[in-house]
N, C-alpha and C. Protein backbone atom coordinates (compact mmCIF):
# COMPACT_ATOMS: atom_id res chain seq x y z
N UNK A 1 -52.18 29.34 -21.87
CA UNK A 1 -50.91 29.24 -21.98
C UNK A 1 -50.29 29.61 -20.62
N UNK A 2 -49.01 28.13 -19.87
CA UNK A 2 -48.74 28.25 -18.99
C UNK A 2 -47.92 29.28 -17.84
N UNK A 3 -48.39 29.97 -17.31
CA UNK A 3 -47.24 31.24 -16.59
C UNK A 3 -45.62 30.63 -16.70
N UNK A 4 -45.70 29.40 -15.89
CA UNK A 4 -44.04 29.52 -15.57
C UNK A 4 -43.86 27.71 -16.58
N UNK A 5 -42.75 27.85 -16.77
CA UNK A 5 -42.28 26.51 -18.02
C UNK A 5 -40.78 26.18 -16.85
N UNK A 6 -40.56 24.71 -17.29
CA UNK A 6 -39.41 24.38 -16.26
C UNK A 6 -38.24 24.32 -17.64
N UNK A 7 -37.35 25.11 -16.53
CA UNK A 7 -36.21 25.59 -17.57
C UNK A 7 -35.33 24.36 -17.67
N UNK A 8 -34.44 24.23 -18.86
CA UNK A 8 -33.23 23.28 -19.22
C UNK A 8 -32.29 23.47 -18.22
N UNK A 9 -31.66 22.07 -17.83
CA UNK A 9 -30.70 21.84 -16.93
C UNK A 9 -29.33 22.56 -18.00
N UNK A 10 -28.53 23.13 -17.60
CA UNK A 10 -27.28 23.72 -17.95
C UNK A 10 -26.23 23.01 -18.69
N UNK A 11 -26.59 21.60 -17.82
CA UNK A 11 -25.58 20.62 -18.04
C UNK A 11 -26.09 19.04 -18.15
N UNK A 12 -25.97 18.05 -18.73
CA UNK A 12 -26.43 16.97 -18.87
C UNK A 12 -25.99 16.27 -16.94
N UNK A 13 -26.83 15.03 -17.22
CA UNK A 13 -27.17 14.32 -15.88
C UNK A 13 -25.96 14.32 -15.10
N UNK A 14 -24.90 13.47 -15.90
CA UNK A 14 -23.95 13.35 -15.37
C UNK A 14 -22.81 14.37 -14.73
N UNK A 15 -23.10 15.45 -15.20
CA UNK A 15 -22.07 16.92 -15.19
C UNK A 15 -21.51 17.06 -13.42
N UNK A 16 -22.38 16.81 -12.58
CA UNK A 16 -22.22 16.63 -10.93
C UNK A 16 -21.75 15.47 -10.54
N UNK A 17 -20.92 14.80 -11.11
CA UNK A 17 -20.45 13.48 -10.72
C UNK A 17 -19.23 13.61 -10.09
N UNK A 18 -18.59 13.04 -9.15
CA UNK A 18 -19.49 12.58 -7.78
C UNK A 18 -19.79 13.05 -7.07
N UNK A 19 -20.14 14.51 -7.00
CA UNK A 19 -20.94 14.77 -5.55
C UNK A 19 -22.32 14.48 -5.55
N UNK A 20 -23.11 14.46 -7.13
CA UNK A 20 -24.22 14.45 -7.34
C UNK A 20 -24.48 13.29 -8.15
N UNK A 21 -25.11 12.02 -8.11
CA UNK A 21 -25.21 11.25 -9.10
C UNK A 21 -25.85 11.57 -10.16
N UNK A 22 -26.50 11.08 -11.57
CA UNK A 22 -26.96 11.52 -12.29
C UNK A 22 -28.60 11.04 -12.29
N UNK A 23 -28.82 9.99 -11.42
CA UNK A 23 -30.07 9.38 -11.47
C UNK A 23 -30.89 10.73 -10.32
N UNK A 24 -30.04 10.86 -9.27
CA UNK A 24 -30.70 12.26 -8.45
C UNK A 24 -30.67 13.45 -8.98
N UNK A 25 -29.76 14.03 -10.05
CA UNK A 25 -30.22 14.98 -10.92
C UNK A 25 -31.46 14.78 -12.14
N UNK A 26 -31.47 13.62 -12.84
CA UNK A 26 -32.71 13.66 -13.58
C UNK A 26 -34.22 13.34 -12.57
N UNK A 27 -34.22 12.80 -11.23
CA UNK A 27 -35.26 12.74 -10.92
C UNK A 27 -35.26 13.93 -10.11
N UNK A 28 -34.49 14.85 -9.75
CA UNK A 28 -34.74 16.20 -9.13
C UNK A 28 -35.49 16.80 -10.52
N UNK A 29 -35.07 16.77 -11.32
CA UNK A 29 -35.41 17.99 -11.97
C UNK A 29 -36.31 17.78 -12.75
N UNK A 30 -36.45 16.74 -13.28
CA UNK A 30 -37.58 16.16 -14.16
C UNK A 30 -39.11 15.66 -13.44
N UNK A 31 -38.74 15.59 -12.10
CA UNK A 31 -40.07 15.04 -11.75
C UNK A 31 -40.53 16.18 -10.33
N UNK A 32 -39.62 16.44 -9.40
CA UNK A 32 -39.39 17.32 -8.63
C UNK A 32 -39.74 18.83 -8.61
N UNK A 33 -38.65 19.26 -9.71
CA UNK A 33 -39.06 20.72 -9.91
C UNK A 33 -40.00 20.75 -10.93
N UNK A 34 -40.39 19.59 -11.90
CA UNK A 34 -41.69 19.71 -12.61
C UNK A 34 -42.95 20.15 -12.30
N UNK A 35 -43.06 19.44 -10.86
CA UNK A 35 -44.17 19.30 -10.00
C UNK A 35 -44.18 20.44 -9.16
N UNK A 36 -43.32 21.54 -8.97
CA UNK A 36 -43.29 22.90 -8.64
C UNK A 36 -43.78 24.00 -9.32
N UNK A 37 -43.54 23.71 -10.70
CA UNK A 37 -43.73 24.16 -12.05
C UNK A 37 -45.33 23.83 -12.13
N UNK A 38 -45.33 22.81 -12.07
CA UNK A 38 -47.33 22.40 -12.46
C UNK A 38 -47.89 22.82 -11.53
N UNK A 39 -47.61 22.75 -9.88
CA UNK A 39 -48.43 23.18 -8.89
C UNK A 39 -48.62 24.54 -8.83
N UNK A 40 -47.31 25.79 -9.70
CA UNK A 40 -48.12 27.05 -8.99
C UNK A 40 -48.79 27.25 -10.40
N UNK A 41 -48.55 26.66 -11.76
CA UNK A 41 -49.82 27.00 -12.50
C UNK A 41 -51.21 26.55 -12.53
N UNK A 42 -51.54 25.28 -12.00
CA UNK A 42 -52.26 24.41 -11.67
C UNK A 42 -52.90 26.02 -10.63
N UNK A 43 -52.21 26.35 -9.30
CA UNK A 43 -52.74 27.35 -8.28
C UNK A 43 -53.19 28.66 -8.85
N UNK A 44 -52.67 28.97 -10.04
CA UNK A 44 -52.87 30.57 -10.66
C UNK A 44 -54.25 30.21 -11.30
N UNK A 45 -54.38 28.91 -11.75
CA UNK A 45 -56.17 28.28 -12.36
C UNK A 45 -57.07 28.69 -11.82
N UNK A 46 -56.75 28.38 -10.44
CA UNK A 46 -57.72 27.97 -9.55
C UNK A 46 -58.04 29.12 -8.83
N UNK A 47 -56.99 30.02 -8.64
CA UNK A 47 -57.38 31.80 -8.05
C UNK A 47 -58.04 32.19 -9.19
N UNK A 48 -57.78 31.97 -10.62
CA UNK A 48 -58.32 33.18 -11.85
C UNK A 48 -60.30 32.27 -11.48
N UNK A 49 -60.20 31.04 -10.79
CA UNK A 49 -61.61 30.21 -11.23
C UNK A 49 -61.93 31.17 -10.02
N UNK A 50 -61.36 30.92 -9.15
CA UNK A 50 -62.19 31.59 -7.54
C UNK A 50 -62.67 33.07 -7.73
N UNK A 51 -61.68 33.91 -8.33
CA UNK A 51 -62.13 35.47 -8.81
C UNK A 51 -63.32 35.21 -9.57
N UNK A 52 -63.27 34.57 -10.99
CA UNK A 52 -64.66 34.67 -11.69
C UNK A 52 -65.57 34.53 -10.68
N UNK A 53 -65.64 33.51 -9.54
CA UNK A 53 -66.87 32.88 -9.18
C UNK A 53 -66.93 33.50 -8.03
N UNK A 54 -66.19 34.47 -7.15
CA UNK A 54 -66.56 35.29 -6.05
C UNK A 54 -66.57 34.03 -4.82
N UNK A 55 -65.77 33.22 -5.08
CA UNK A 55 -65.63 32.19 -4.20
C UNK A 55 -64.31 31.87 -3.73
N UNK A 56 -64.44 32.51 -1.99
CA UNK A 56 -63.04 32.84 -1.88
C UNK A 56 -62.98 31.28 -0.10
N UNK A 57 -63.79 30.51 -0.54
CA UNK A 57 -63.46 29.74 0.81
C UNK A 57 -62.20 28.95 0.68
N UNK A 58 -61.66 29.06 -0.44
CA UNK A 58 -60.46 28.15 -0.11
C UNK A 58 -58.79 29.15 -0.28
N UNK A 59 -59.35 30.59 -0.14
CA UNK A 59 -58.16 31.48 -0.25
C UNK A 59 -56.58 31.24 0.36
N UNK A 60 -56.98 30.69 1.66
CA UNK A 60 -55.88 30.51 2.44
C UNK A 60 -54.90 29.67 1.99
N UNK A 61 -55.99 28.35 1.80
CA UNK A 61 -55.03 27.09 1.06
C UNK A 61 -54.55 27.85 -0.37
N UNK A 62 -54.97 28.21 -1.10
CA UNK A 62 -54.84 28.99 -2.42
C UNK A 62 -53.63 29.58 -2.11
N UNK A 63 -53.25 30.19 -1.51
CA UNK A 63 -52.30 31.66 -1.47
C UNK A 63 -51.04 30.86 -0.90
N UNK A 64 -51.49 29.73 -0.04
CA UNK A 64 -50.03 29.17 0.37
C UNK A 64 -49.27 27.83 -0.55
N UNK A 65 -50.45 27.84 -1.04
CA UNK A 65 -49.87 26.71 -2.33
C UNK A 65 -49.29 27.54 -3.50
N UNK A 66 -49.36 28.68 -3.81
CA UNK A 66 -48.99 29.54 -5.00
C UNK A 66 -47.42 29.60 -3.91
N UNK A 67 -47.33 30.44 -2.70
CA UNK A 67 -46.03 30.85 -2.16
C UNK A 67 -45.26 29.84 -2.23
N UNK A 68 -45.56 28.04 -2.15
CA UNK A 68 -45.19 27.48 -1.91
C UNK A 68 -44.47 26.41 -3.26
N UNK A 69 -44.93 26.47 -3.93
CA UNK A 69 -44.35 25.86 -5.36
C UNK A 69 -43.78 27.07 -6.35
N UNK A 70 -44.38 28.25 -6.13
CA UNK A 70 -43.76 29.22 -6.87
C UNK A 70 -42.13 29.46 -6.28
N UNK A 71 -42.05 29.55 -5.01
CA UNK A 71 -40.86 29.59 -4.19
C UNK A 71 -39.54 28.34 -4.53
N UNK A 72 -40.57 27.33 -4.73
CA UNK A 72 -40.12 26.10 -5.14
C UNK A 72 -39.07 26.24 -6.55
N UNK A 73 -40.25 26.46 -7.42
CA UNK A 73 -39.56 27.03 -8.61
C UNK A 73 -38.63 28.04 -9.17
N UNK A 74 -38.62 28.94 -8.46
CA UNK A 74 -37.22 29.88 -8.28
C UNK A 74 -36.25 29.49 -7.58
N UNK A 75 -36.29 29.04 -6.75
CA UNK A 75 -34.85 28.27 -5.65
C UNK A 75 -34.50 27.10 -6.46
N UNK A 76 -35.35 26.44 -7.18
CA UNK A 76 -34.49 25.07 -8.21
C UNK A 76 -33.96 25.67 -9.26
N UNK A 77 -34.66 26.82 -9.74
CA UNK A 77 -34.13 27.36 -11.35
C UNK A 77 -32.62 28.31 -10.42
N UNK A 78 -32.85 28.60 -9.68
CA UNK A 78 -31.34 29.05 -9.25
C UNK A 78 -30.56 27.97 -8.63
N UNK A 79 -31.02 27.03 -8.08
CA UNK A 79 -29.96 26.03 -7.76
C UNK A 79 -29.02 24.95 -8.56
N UNK A 80 -30.30 25.12 -10.20
CA UNK A 80 -29.18 24.00 -10.55
C UNK A 80 -28.07 24.97 -11.65
N UNK A 81 -28.57 26.60 -11.69
CA UNK A 81 -27.03 27.26 -11.88
C UNK A 81 -25.98 27.62 -11.58
N UNK A 82 -26.30 27.36 -9.67
CA UNK A 82 -25.44 27.96 -8.81
C UNK A 82 -24.25 26.35 -9.04
N UNK A 83 -24.16 25.47 -10.11
CA UNK A 83 -23.73 24.14 -9.55
C UNK A 83 -22.52 24.04 -10.61
N UNK A 84 -21.62 23.96 -10.69
CA UNK A 84 -20.59 23.07 -12.15
C UNK A 84 -19.94 22.45 -11.91
N UNK A 85 -19.44 21.30 -13.18
CA UNK A 85 -18.46 20.43 -12.80
C UNK A 85 -17.20 20.88 -12.49
N UNK A 86 -17.28 21.93 -12.94
CA UNK A 86 -15.27 22.53 -12.94
C UNK A 86 -15.95 23.71 -11.85
N UNK A 87 -16.78 23.60 -10.72
CA UNK A 87 -16.80 24.80 -9.30
C UNK A 87 -16.05 24.45 -8.85
N UNK A 88 -15.93 24.68 -7.07
CA UNK A 88 -15.79 24.22 -5.83
C UNK A 88 -14.42 25.74 -6.08
N UNK A 89 -13.92 25.26 -4.47
CA UNK A 89 -12.79 26.28 -4.04
C UNK A 89 -13.83 27.39 -3.26
N UNK A 90 -12.62 28.54 -3.05
CA UNK A 90 -13.70 29.80 -3.03
C UNK A 90 -13.55 30.89 -3.94
N UNK A 91 -14.53 32.09 -3.65
CA UNK A 91 -14.28 33.02 -4.71
C UNK A 91 -13.25 33.54 -4.54
N UNK A 92 -12.29 34.21 -5.83
CA UNK A 92 -10.76 34.56 -5.47
C UNK A 92 -11.04 36.24 -6.48
N UNK A 93 -10.31 37.06 -6.40
CA UNK A 93 -10.33 38.10 -7.44
C UNK A 93 -9.70 37.87 -8.74
N UNK A 94 -8.69 36.62 -8.55
CA UNK A 94 -7.53 36.12 -9.88
C UNK A 94 -8.79 35.46 -11.24
N UNK A 95 -9.85 34.86 -10.29
CA UNK A 95 -10.75 34.62 -11.27
C UNK A 95 -12.19 35.51 -11.42
N UNK A 96 -11.84 36.88 -11.40
CA UNK A 96 -12.73 38.05 -11.36
C UNK A 96 -14.09 37.69 -10.93
N UNK A 97 -14.06 37.07 -9.70
CA UNK A 97 -14.84 37.54 -8.73
C UNK A 97 -14.79 38.19 -7.13
N UNK A 98 -13.93 39.02 -7.58
CA UNK A 98 -13.45 39.45 -6.61
C UNK A 98 -14.11 40.76 -5.58
N UNK A 99 -14.96 40.66 -6.19
CA UNK A 99 -16.23 41.80 -5.58
C UNK A 99 -16.82 40.68 -4.46
N UNK A 100 -17.48 40.07 -5.19
CA UNK A 100 -18.23 38.84 -4.20
C UNK A 100 -17.34 38.29 -3.19
N UNK A 101 -16.09 38.04 -3.04
CA UNK A 101 -15.14 37.64 -2.23
C UNK A 101 -15.20 38.85 -1.47
N UNK A 102 -14.78 40.14 -1.37
CA UNK A 102 -14.85 41.01 -0.50
C UNK A 102 -16.19 41.36 0.51
N UNK A 103 -17.58 41.10 -0.27
CA UNK A 103 -18.67 41.10 0.58
C UNK A 103 -18.76 40.20 1.46
N UNK A 104 -18.48 38.82 0.97
CA UNK A 104 -18.36 37.62 1.89
C UNK A 104 -17.96 37.92 3.13
N UNK A 105 -16.19 38.52 2.79
CA UNK A 105 -15.37 38.78 3.80
C UNK A 105 -15.79 40.19 4.78
N UNK A 106 -16.48 41.27 4.01
CA UNK A 106 -17.31 42.39 4.94
C UNK A 106 -18.30 41.78 5.56
N UNK A 107 -18.97 40.59 5.15
CA UNK A 107 -20.30 40.26 5.97
C UNK A 107 -20.40 39.47 6.76
N UNK A 108 -19.11 38.31 6.98
CA UNK A 108 -19.16 37.56 7.61
C UNK A 108 -17.91 37.60 8.36
N UNK A 109 -16.71 38.27 8.33
CA UNK A 109 -15.37 37.94 8.91
C UNK A 109 -14.54 37.30 7.99
N UNK A 110 -14.65 35.80 6.99
CA UNK A 110 -14.08 35.71 6.17
C UNK A 110 -14.61 34.47 5.54
N UNK A 111 -14.10 33.57 4.37
CA UNK A 111 -14.81 33.35 3.94
C UNK A 111 -15.22 31.74 4.34
N UNK A 112 -13.97 31.18 5.54
CA UNK A 112 -14.23 30.22 6.31
C UNK A 112 -15.47 30.29 7.12
N UNK A 113 -15.07 31.58 7.79
CA UNK A 113 -16.70 31.86 8.52
C UNK A 113 -17.86 32.10 7.98
N UNK A 114 -18.30 32.10 6.94
CA UNK A 114 -19.08 32.10 6.19
C UNK A 114 -19.38 30.66 5.82
N UNK A 115 -18.75 29.80 5.28
CA UNK A 115 -18.66 28.45 4.86
C UNK A 115 -19.38 27.36 5.96
N UNK A 116 -18.86 28.01 7.21
CA UNK A 116 -19.38 26.99 8.12
C UNK A 116 -20.73 26.99 8.70
N UNK A 117 -21.10 29.01 8.50
CA UNK A 117 -22.30 29.21 8.94
C UNK A 117 -23.60 28.81 7.59
N UNK A 118 -23.29 28.51 6.90
CA UNK A 118 -24.08 28.24 5.61
C UNK A 118 -23.95 26.66 5.52
N UNK A 119 -23.05 26.33 6.01
CA UNK A 119 -23.15 24.64 6.13
C UNK A 119 -24.12 24.30 7.46
N UNK A 120 -23.88 24.76 8.27
CA UNK A 120 -24.84 24.42 9.26
C UNK A 120 -26.52 24.82 9.04
N UNK A 121 -26.64 26.38 8.61
CA UNK A 121 -28.14 26.47 8.31
C UNK A 121 -28.69 25.50 7.38
N UNK A 122 -27.90 24.82 6.58
CA UNK A 122 -28.29 23.85 5.69
C UNK A 122 -28.91 22.52 6.31
N UNK A 123 -27.55 22.30 7.29
CA UNK A 123 -27.59 20.75 7.56
C UNK A 123 -28.43 20.58 8.50
N UNK A 124 -28.64 21.55 9.28
CA UNK A 124 -29.85 21.44 10.43
C UNK A 124 -30.90 22.06 10.43
N UNK A 125 -31.42 22.92 8.71
CA UNK A 125 -32.90 22.80 8.65
C UNK A 125 -33.66 21.38 8.88
N UNK A 126 -34.91 22.11 9.89
CA UNK A 126 -35.68 20.86 10.56
C UNK A 126 -36.40 20.09 9.16
N UNK A 127 -36.83 18.78 8.92
CA UNK A 127 -37.49 18.50 7.94
C UNK A 127 -36.99 18.75 6.60
N UNK A 128 -37.98 19.71 5.96
CA UNK A 128 -37.46 20.07 4.46
C UNK A 128 -37.00 21.67 4.24
N UNK A 129 -35.97 21.83 3.71
CA UNK A 129 -35.82 23.07 3.72
C UNK A 129 -34.11 23.43 2.94
N UNK A 130 -33.65 24.78 2.34
CA UNK A 130 -32.85 25.05 2.20
C UNK A 130 -32.17 26.06 2.86
N UNK A 131 -30.21 26.16 2.54
CA UNK A 131 -29.55 27.17 2.77
C UNK A 131 -29.29 27.89 2.13
N UNK A 132 -29.42 29.45 2.38
CA UNK A 132 -29.74 30.31 1.40
C UNK A 132 -28.32 31.36 1.72
N UNK A 133 -27.60 31.58 0.41
CA UNK A 133 -27.47 33.13 0.82
C UNK A 133 -27.82 34.28 0.10
N UNK A 134 -28.05 35.05 0.59
CA UNK A 134 -29.10 36.25 0.03
C UNK A 134 -28.05 37.58 0.01
N UNK A 135 -28.41 38.27 -0.55
CA UNK A 135 -27.84 40.05 -0.82
C UNK A 135 -29.23 40.51 -0.17
N UNK A 136 -29.11 41.17 1.31
CA UNK A 136 -30.06 42.18 1.44
C UNK A 136 -29.97 43.17 1.94
N UNK A 137 -30.56 44.02 1.07
CA UNK A 137 -30.51 45.35 0.28
C UNK A 137 -30.56 46.32 1.28
N UNK A 138 -31.39 46.64 2.12
CA UNK A 138 -31.35 47.53 3.54
C UNK A 138 -30.05 47.70 4.06
N UNK A 139 -29.13 46.80 4.42
CA UNK A 139 -27.99 46.59 5.20
C UNK A 139 -26.73 47.05 3.84
N UNK A 140 -27.26 46.48 3.21
CA UNK A 140 -26.13 46.62 1.50
C UNK A 140 -25.22 45.44 1.83
N UNK A 141 -25.72 44.04 2.50
CA UNK A 141 -24.85 43.20 3.13
C UNK A 141 -25.69 41.63 2.91
N UNK A 142 -24.07 40.92 2.36
CA UNK A 142 -25.03 39.19 2.32
C UNK A 142 -25.71 38.78 3.89
N UNK A 143 -26.31 38.12 3.79
CA UNK A 143 -27.00 37.04 5.12
C UNK A 143 -26.88 35.66 4.94
N UNK A 144 -26.90 34.83 5.68
CA UNK A 144 -27.58 33.64 4.89
C UNK A 144 -28.76 33.50 5.80
N UNK A 145 -29.29 32.41 5.13
CA UNK A 145 -31.26 32.32 5.72
C UNK A 145 -31.12 30.77 5.68
N UNK A 146 -32.13 30.23 6.68
CA UNK A 146 -32.11 28.72 6.82
C UNK A 146 -33.69 28.90 6.44
N UNK A 147 -34.03 28.70 5.35
CA UNK A 147 -35.48 28.35 4.40
C UNK A 147 -36.13 27.02 4.80
N UNK A 148 -37.16 27.13 5.58
CA UNK A 148 -38.25 25.98 5.91
C UNK A 148 -38.88 25.96 4.71
N UNK A 149 -38.97 24.59 4.32
CA UNK A 149 -40.01 24.11 3.00
C UNK A 149 -39.41 25.19 1.82
N UNK A 150 -40.16 25.38 0.93
CA UNK A 150 -38.94 26.47 -0.12
C UNK A 150 -39.19 28.06 0.36
N UNK A 151 -40.56 28.60 1.70
CA UNK A 151 -40.38 30.02 1.61
C UNK A 151 -40.47 30.43 2.94
N UNK A 152 -40.78 29.58 3.69
CA UNK A 152 -40.66 29.84 5.38
C UNK A 152 -39.04 30.38 5.58
N UNK A 153 -39.51 31.24 6.68
CA UNK A 153 -38.29 31.77 7.33
C UNK A 153 -37.71 33.14 6.45
N UNK A 154 -38.02 33.64 5.67
CA UNK A 154 -37.16 33.94 4.83
C UNK A 154 -37.21 35.92 5.31
N UNK A 155 -36.39 36.68 5.35
CA UNK A 155 -36.14 37.84 5.19
C UNK A 155 -36.77 38.58 4.02
N UNK A 156 -37.62 39.27 4.20
CA UNK A 156 -38.34 40.22 3.09
C UNK A 156 -37.75 40.95 2.29
N UNK A 157 -37.47 41.24 1.06
CA UNK A 157 -36.72 41.60 0.11
C UNK A 157 -35.20 41.22 0.10
N UNK A 158 -34.74 40.30 0.67
CA UNK A 158 -33.54 39.57 0.36
C UNK A 158 -33.61 38.66 -1.26
N UNK A 159 -32.48 38.99 -1.73
CA UNK A 159 -32.43 37.99 -3.10
C UNK A 159 -31.09 36.67 -2.71
N UNK A 160 -31.87 35.25 -2.85
CA UNK A 160 -30.82 34.36 -3.04
C UNK A 160 -30.00 34.50 -4.30
N UNK A 161 -29.04 34.61 -4.04
CA UNK A 161 -27.67 34.46 -4.93
C UNK A 161 -27.29 32.77 -4.94
N UNK A 162 -26.75 31.94 -3.75
CA UNK A 162 -26.23 30.59 -3.70
C UNK A 162 -27.44 29.87 -2.68
N UNK A 163 -27.67 28.86 -3.26
CA UNK A 163 -28.91 28.17 -2.72
C UNK A 163 -28.01 26.77 -2.57
N UNK A 164 -28.43 25.85 -1.26
CA UNK A 164 -27.83 24.88 -1.28
C UNK A 164 -29.07 23.79 -0.75
N UNK A 165 -29.79 23.13 -1.22
CA UNK A 165 -31.26 22.51 -1.70
C UNK A 165 -30.98 21.31 -0.24
N UNK A 166 -31.16 21.23 0.91
CA UNK A 166 -31.11 20.14 1.88
C UNK A 166 -33.03 19.20 1.67
N UNK A 167 -33.28 19.41 0.86
CA UNK A 167 -34.44 18.49 0.74
C UNK A 167 -33.80 16.96 0.93
N UNK A 168 -34.63 16.15 1.42
CA UNK A 168 -33.83 14.87 1.00
C UNK A 168 -34.00 13.94 -0.21
N UNK A 169 -34.85 14.83 -1.54
CA UNK A 169 -34.85 14.14 -2.74
C UNK A 169 -33.68 14.47 -3.22
N UNK A 170 -33.25 15.91 -2.48
CA UNK A 170 -31.90 16.47 -2.95
C UNK A 170 -30.53 15.42 -3.07
N UNK A 171 -30.61 14.31 -2.23
CA UNK A 171 -29.19 14.00 -1.99
C UNK A 171 -30.14 12.28 -1.21
N UNK A 172 -31.07 11.77 -1.17
CA UNK A 172 -31.18 10.64 -0.35
C UNK A 172 -30.64 9.30 -1.05
N UNK A 173 -30.92 9.46 -2.35
CA UNK A 173 -30.56 8.32 -3.08
C UNK A 173 -28.85 7.89 -2.94
N UNK A 174 -28.30 9.01 -2.57
CA UNK A 174 -26.79 8.80 -2.85
C UNK A 174 -26.05 9.03 -1.71
N UNK A 175 -26.94 9.75 -0.50
CA UNK A 175 -26.04 10.07 0.79
C UNK A 175 -27.06 9.25 1.55
N UNK A 176 -27.92 8.72 1.60
CA UNK A 176 -28.70 8.28 2.71
C UNK A 176 -29.37 9.58 3.88
N UNK A 177 -29.28 8.75 4.89
CA UNK A 177 -29.74 10.20 6.05
C UNK A 177 -28.68 11.02 6.53
N UNK A 178 -27.33 10.94 5.82
CA UNK A 178 -25.91 11.82 6.15
C UNK A 178 -26.80 13.18 5.15
N UNK A 179 -27.30 14.49 5.70
CA UNK A 179 -27.41 15.35 5.16
C UNK A 179 -25.96 16.00 5.01
N UNK A 180 -25.61 16.14 6.10
CA UNK A 180 -24.53 16.96 6.74
C UNK A 180 -23.20 16.70 5.20
N UNK A 181 -22.86 15.54 5.33
CA UNK A 181 -21.89 14.64 4.47
C UNK A 181 -22.64 15.46 2.82
N UNK A 182 -23.83 15.37 2.38
CA UNK A 182 -24.09 15.88 1.06
C UNK A 182 -23.69 17.65 1.26
N UNK A 183 -24.20 18.05 1.93
CA UNK A 183 -23.66 19.92 2.45
C UNK A 183 -22.44 19.72 2.33
N UNK A 184 -21.56 19.17 2.97
CA UNK A 184 -20.21 19.37 2.78
C UNK A 184 -19.77 19.19 1.64
N UNK A 185 -20.29 17.94 0.85
CA UNK A 185 -19.91 17.95 -0.88
C UNK A 185 -20.01 19.09 -1.57
N UNK A 186 -21.39 19.73 -1.42
CA UNK A 186 -21.87 20.72 -2.41
C UNK A 186 -20.74 21.95 -2.66
N UNK A 187 -20.31 21.71 -1.91
CA UNK A 187 -18.99 23.41 -1.77
C UNK A 187 -17.78 22.73 -3.07
N UNK A 188 -17.64 21.37 -3.47
CA UNK A 188 -17.22 21.60 -4.61
C UNK A 188 -17.70 21.37 -6.25
N UNK A 189 -18.90 21.65 -5.96
CA UNK A 189 -19.53 22.38 -7.36
C UNK A 189 -20.09 23.78 -6.94
N UNK A 190 -19.54 24.10 -6.41
CA UNK A 190 -20.77 25.62 -6.85
C UNK A 190 -20.11 26.46 -7.85
N UNK A 191 -20.40 27.08 -8.28
CA UNK A 191 -20.28 27.95 -9.94
C UNK A 191 -20.38 29.62 -8.87
N UNK A 192 -18.81 29.75 -8.43
CA UNK A 192 -18.68 31.00 -8.11
C UNK A 192 -19.09 32.50 -9.10
N UNK A 193 -18.75 31.69 -10.44
CA UNK A 193 -18.98 32.76 -11.36
C UNK A 193 -20.64 33.46 -11.74
N UNK A 194 -21.33 32.39 -11.42
CA UNK A 194 -23.09 32.51 -11.31
C UNK A 194 -23.32 33.42 -10.30
N UNK A 195 -22.61 32.69 -8.61
CA UNK A 195 -23.12 33.39 -7.91
C UNK A 195 -22.70 35.01 -7.72
N UNK A 196 -21.34 35.51 -8.03
CA UNK A 196 -20.82 36.47 -8.29
C UNK A 196 -21.71 37.55 -9.18
N UNK A 197 -22.24 37.13 -10.47
CA UNK A 197 -23.30 37.68 -11.29
C UNK A 197 -24.23 38.09 -10.56
N UNK A 198 -25.34 36.77 -9.81
CA UNK A 198 -26.12 37.04 -9.18
C UNK A 198 -26.19 38.18 -8.46
N UNK A 199 -25.24 38.19 -7.15
CA UNK A 199 -24.44 38.89 -6.83
C UNK A 199 -24.72 40.31 -7.11
N UNK A 200 -23.93 40.51 -7.95
CA UNK A 200 -24.01 41.88 -8.98
C UNK A 200 -25.24 42.58 -9.30
N UNK A 201 -26.05 41.62 -10.00
CA UNK A 201 -27.34 41.72 -10.57
C UNK A 201 -28.12 42.00 -8.98
N UNK A 202 -28.09 41.73 -8.11
CA UNK A 202 -29.22 42.75 -6.98
C UNK A 202 -28.62 43.47 -6.33
N UNK A 203 -27.03 44.15 -6.72
CA UNK A 203 -26.64 45.21 -5.99
C UNK A 203 -27.38 46.25 -7.03
N UNK A 204 -27.38 46.28 -8.13
CA UNK A 204 -27.68 46.88 -9.44
C UNK A 204 -29.45 47.29 -9.11
N UNK A 205 -30.01 46.43 -8.92
CA UNK A 205 -31.95 46.62 -8.57
C UNK A 205 -32.28 47.03 -7.26
N UNK A 206 -31.40 47.33 -6.41
CA UNK A 206 -31.50 47.52 -4.74
C UNK A 206 -32.43 48.54 -4.41
N UNK A 207 -31.83 49.25 -5.36
CA UNK A 207 -32.82 50.67 -5.50
C UNK A 207 -34.53 50.66 -5.67
N UNK A 208 -34.80 49.58 -6.54
CA UNK A 208 -36.05 49.61 -6.85
C UNK A 208 -36.66 48.67 -5.89
N UNK A 209 -36.16 47.95 -4.98
CA UNK A 209 -36.29 47.42 -3.83
C UNK A 209 -37.10 48.40 -3.22
N UNK A 210 -38.06 47.73 -2.07
CA UNK A 210 -38.80 48.69 -1.34
C UNK A 210 -38.10 48.60 0.24
N UNK A 211 -37.34 49.56 0.36
CA UNK A 211 -36.30 49.82 1.59
C UNK A 211 -36.60 50.15 2.72
N UNK A 212 -36.24 49.66 4.01
CA UNK A 212 -37.09 50.36 5.43
C UNK A 212 -36.03 52.03 5.12
N UNK A 213 -36.90 52.69 6.20
CA UNK A 213 -36.66 54.06 6.12
C UNK A 213 -35.20 54.03 7.19
């Protein structure tokens, strides 16, 4: 039995129009995300075979493959729920996400400053990668991370709560090579309710993470 499975989308393919067209959502979820799930499961099988045979010649490649595919699966699983056709704007106390709004202001000075930093981090990722808002438990604050591929350049222990996919397969069919236009459009579909729930959950489990002394 496979360890990882492809989650269903929380909406139909057309739910995020006009920001993301249905063809992109279908290909992105059904092909690209599915490939990361398969890659993680296949790599786990290869690692099990290596253990059985005590054959470790490919260990470096297998560990990198597991990190790549598993991180791709996790980030995409967050990505789908981070978006909604009824989203956008900014988190407000009136909408029940006041704790998140306060945390953003405390961590970045203002929502505008945070929005600018995450937009630039995502839009300027070299090659393939993500812009990520993450809860960092050592400082008990939010940070922005610029993630290369799916797993590189990540602060250990940080928990992603909002992710912007900056891989070309996320936007090229609609936005061509204008990555920055896609990232700026993404703000119109951010699901702040989902982000707030992830932030609250990350804070609640901070004491079980390995913290620096």
